N, C-alpha and C. Protein backbone atom coordinates (compact mmCIF):
# COMPACT_ATOMS: atom_id res chain seq x y z
N MET A 1 20.83 9.10 -3.69
CA MET A 1 20.60 7.95 -2.80
C MET A 1 19.14 7.45 -3.35
N HIS A 2 19.30 6.00 -3.49
CA HIS A 2 18.16 5.19 -4.00
C HIS A 2 17.41 4.72 -2.63
N GLU A 3 16.11 4.91 -2.68
CA GLU A 3 15.10 4.48 -1.86
C GLU A 3 14.50 3.13 -2.10
N PRO A 4 14.31 2.21 -1.08
CA PRO A 4 13.64 1.00 -1.54
C PRO A 4 12.12 1.39 -1.91
N GLU A 5 11.73 0.34 -2.90
CA GLU A 5 10.32 0.54 -3.31
C GLU A 5 9.38 0.39 -2.40
N PHE A 6 9.52 -0.38 -1.26
CA PHE A 6 8.41 -0.49 -0.20
C PHE A 6 8.84 0.31 0.97
N LEU A 7 7.74 0.49 1.85
CA LEU A 7 8.01 1.18 3.01
C LEU A 7 8.37 0.07 4.05
N THR A 8 9.20 0.52 4.97
CA THR A 8 9.53 -0.31 6.07
C THR A 8 8.30 -0.75 7.15
N PRO A 9 8.50 -1.78 7.90
CA PRO A 9 7.48 -2.19 8.73
C PRO A 9 7.08 -0.79 9.90
N PRO A 10 8.24 -0.10 10.20
CA PRO A 10 7.80 0.90 11.11
C PRO A 10 7.24 2.12 10.14
N ASP A 11 7.36 2.30 8.99
CA ASP A 11 6.80 3.12 8.19
C ASP A 11 5.20 2.98 7.89
N VAL A 12 5.10 1.53 7.66
CA VAL A 12 3.75 1.13 7.45
C VAL A 12 2.85 1.23 8.67
N LYS A 13 3.49 0.90 9.87
CA LYS A 13 2.67 0.94 11.04
C LYS A 13 2.24 2.42 11.24
N ALA A 14 3.27 3.47 11.09
CA ALA A 14 2.98 4.80 11.34
C ALA A 14 2.02 5.35 10.28
N LEU A 15 1.94 4.92 8.86
CA LEU A 15 0.83 5.19 8.00
C LEU A 15 -0.22 4.79 8.24
N ALA A 16 -0.48 3.53 9.16
CA ALA A 16 -1.62 3.00 9.44
C ALA A 16 -2.14 3.58 10.82
N GLY A 17 -1.71 4.56 11.27
CA GLY A 17 -1.99 5.24 12.51
C GLY A 17 -1.66 4.47 13.66
N GLY A 18 -0.54 3.56 13.75
CA GLY A 18 0.06 3.01 14.66
C GLY A 18 -0.65 1.66 15.09
N ALA A 19 -1.47 1.08 14.19
CA ALA A 19 -2.21 -0.06 14.37
C ALA A 19 -1.12 -1.23 14.75
N PRO A 20 -1.40 -2.04 15.78
CA PRO A 20 -0.34 -2.85 16.38
C PRO A 20 -0.41 -4.26 15.71
N SER A 21 -1.29 -4.77 14.84
CA SER A 21 -1.05 -5.94 14.10
C SER A 21 -1.05 -5.76 12.61
N ILE A 22 -0.56 -6.68 12.03
CA ILE A 22 -0.76 -6.47 10.43
C ILE A 22 -2.19 -6.47 9.83
N ASP A 23 -3.05 -7.13 10.38
CA ASP A 23 -4.25 -7.24 10.07
C ASP A 23 -5.03 -5.78 10.29
N ALA A 24 -4.80 -5.28 11.41
CA ALA A 24 -5.07 -4.08 11.70
C ALA A 24 -4.83 -2.93 10.78
N GLN A 25 -3.39 -3.13 10.56
CA GLN A 25 -2.96 -2.12 9.69
C GLN A 25 -3.42 -2.32 8.31
N ALA A 26 -3.58 -3.44 7.90
CA ALA A 26 -4.28 -3.70 6.51
C ALA A 26 -5.64 -3.02 6.57
N ALA A 27 -6.50 -3.39 7.52
CA ALA A 27 -7.84 -2.62 7.70
C ALA A 27 -7.57 -1.06 7.66
N ALA A 28 -6.66 -0.44 8.32
CA ALA A 28 -6.64 0.91 8.20
C ALA A 28 -6.10 1.46 6.99
N LEU A 29 -5.28 0.73 6.18
CA LEU A 29 -4.86 1.04 4.84
C LEU A 29 -6.06 0.98 3.68
N THR A 30 -6.87 -0.08 4.06
CA THR A 30 -8.03 -0.44 3.32
C THR A 30 -8.97 0.92 3.28
N ARG A 31 -9.26 1.25 4.61
CA ARG A 31 -10.15 2.37 4.90
C ARG A 31 -9.47 3.68 4.38
N ALA A 32 -8.35 3.93 4.44
CA ALA A 32 -7.66 5.14 3.61
C ALA A 32 -7.53 5.02 2.19
N GLY A 33 -7.86 3.84 1.70
CA GLY A 33 -7.77 3.74 0.21
C GLY A 33 -6.08 3.59 -0.27
N ILE A 34 -5.45 3.01 0.61
CA ILE A 34 -3.80 2.90 0.14
C ILE A 34 -3.76 1.60 -0.45
N PRO A 35 -3.27 1.29 -1.66
CA PRO A 35 -3.09 -0.22 -2.01
C PRO A 35 -2.07 -0.89 -1.28
N HIS A 36 -2.28 -2.04 -0.88
CA HIS A 36 -1.15 -2.57 -0.03
C HIS A 36 -1.36 -4.23 -0.40
N LYS A 37 -0.38 -4.99 -0.04
CA LYS A 37 -0.48 -6.47 -0.09
C LYS A 37 -0.02 -7.14 1.13
N ILE A 38 -0.61 -8.29 1.46
CA ILE A 38 0.09 -9.10 2.64
C ILE A 38 0.82 -10.14 1.83
N VAL A 39 2.16 -10.35 2.29
CA VAL A 39 2.92 -11.34 1.62
C VAL A 39 3.62 -12.14 2.87
N GLY A 40 3.14 -13.33 2.92
CA GLY A 40 3.70 -13.94 4.03
C GLY A 40 3.35 -13.28 5.45
N ARG A 41 4.25 -12.85 6.14
CA ARG A 41 3.99 -12.15 7.32
C ARG A 41 4.28 -10.75 7.44
N ARG A 42 4.36 -10.24 5.97
CA ARG A 42 4.78 -8.89 6.01
C ARG A 42 3.66 -8.00 5.03
N LEU A 43 3.25 -6.84 5.33
CA LEU A 43 2.62 -6.00 4.83
C LEU A 43 3.37 -4.97 3.85
N LEU A 44 3.25 -5.18 2.51
CA LEU A 44 3.80 -4.43 1.65
C LEU A 44 3.03 -3.03 1.20
N VAL A 45 3.64 -1.93 1.23
CA VAL A 45 3.05 -0.84 0.70
C VAL A 45 4.18 0.06 -0.21
N SER A 46 3.72 0.38 -1.44
CA SER A 46 4.55 1.04 -2.33
C SER A 46 4.77 2.31 -1.63
N ARG A 47 6.02 2.98 -1.81
CA ARG A 47 6.42 4.12 -1.36
C ARG A 47 5.75 5.27 -2.40
N HIS A 48 5.71 4.97 -3.58
CA HIS A 48 5.13 5.76 -4.57
C HIS A 48 3.59 6.10 -4.05
N HIS A 49 2.91 4.79 -3.77
CA HIS A 49 1.36 5.10 -3.68
C HIS A 49 1.33 5.93 -2.14
N ALA A 50 2.35 5.77 -1.15
CA ALA A 50 2.03 6.34 0.10
C ALA A 50 2.39 7.90 -0.26
N ARG A 51 3.22 8.31 -1.20
CA ARG A 51 3.60 9.57 -1.39
C ARG A 51 2.43 10.24 -2.13
N LEU A 52 1.85 9.64 -3.12
CA LEU A 52 0.42 10.04 -3.92
C LEU A 52 -0.70 10.35 -2.90
N TRP A 53 -0.93 9.41 -1.90
CA TRP A 53 -1.96 9.56 -0.82
C TRP A 53 -1.57 10.67 0.02
N LEU A 54 -0.32 10.85 0.44
CA LEU A 54 -0.04 11.89 1.36
C LEU A 54 -0.27 13.22 0.59
N SER A 55 -0.05 13.43 -0.59
CA SER A 55 -0.16 14.63 -1.41
C SER A 55 -1.63 14.97 -1.67
N GLY A 56 -2.41 13.94 -1.36
CA GLY A 56 -3.92 14.15 -1.77
C GLY A 56 -4.49 13.74 -2.92
N GLN A 57 -3.56 13.11 -3.72
CA GLN A 57 -3.94 12.68 -4.92
C GLN A 57 -4.72 11.08 -5.08
N PRO A 58 -5.58 10.97 -5.85
CA PRO A 58 -6.12 9.58 -5.83
C PRO A 58 -5.19 8.71 -5.99
N VAL A 59 -5.40 7.42 -5.27
CA VAL A 59 -4.35 6.32 -5.48
C VAL A 59 -4.94 5.06 -5.87
N ALA A 60 -4.63 4.67 -7.01
CA ALA A 60 -5.30 3.36 -7.64
C ALA A 60 -4.14 2.27 -7.66
N PRO A 61 -4.23 1.10 -7.37
CA PRO A 61 -3.30 -0.09 -7.92
C PRO A 61 -2.99 -0.06 -9.11
N THR A 62 -2.05 -0.38 -9.52
CA THR A 62 -1.52 -0.57 -10.93
C THR A 62 -2.10 -2.02 -11.42
N ARG A 63 -2.87 -1.97 -12.28
CA ARG A 63 -3.53 -3.18 -12.96
C ARG A 63 -3.28 -3.34 -14.42
N ARG A 64 -3.01 -4.70 -14.70
CA ARG A 64 -2.78 -5.08 -16.06
C ARG A 64 -4.08 -5.03 -16.80
N PRO A 65 -4.26 -4.93 -18.10
CA PRO A 65 -5.48 -5.13 -18.76
C PRO A 65 -5.77 -6.40 -19.01
N ASN A 66 -7.06 -6.76 -18.84
CA ASN A 66 -7.48 -8.22 -18.93
C ASN A 66 -7.51 -8.48 -20.52
N LEU A 67 -6.45 -9.11 -20.99
CA LEU A 67 -6.26 -9.38 -22.45
C LEU A 67 -7.32 -10.46 -22.59
N SER A 68 -7.68 -11.44 -21.87
CA SER A 68 -8.52 -12.42 -22.09
C SER A 68 -9.82 -12.10 -22.43
N ALA A 69 -10.21 -10.85 -22.13
CA ALA A 69 -11.40 -10.28 -22.38
C ALA A 69 -11.63 -9.70 -23.71
N ALA A 70 -10.54 -9.59 -24.36
CA ALA A 70 -10.32 -8.85 -25.77
C ALA A 70 -10.98 -10.00 -26.77
N SER A 71 -11.66 -9.54 -27.67
CA SER A 71 -12.24 -10.30 -28.76
C SER A 71 -11.47 -10.19 -30.13
């Protein structure tokens, strides 16, 4: 069975401690160190990042190298 990449809104709310609004949820996720993005009226959290955080592993957002900084 294939799971979607992103948590559902109820999953995000639970992960954010039940915070009622998207802004409050984003603040809770930021405090917890869980990478997320607000896109339109939706808060996106990677299922992979949530699992890493729940297992106690450090979670860092995926970043591409800044190739413009290379000489």
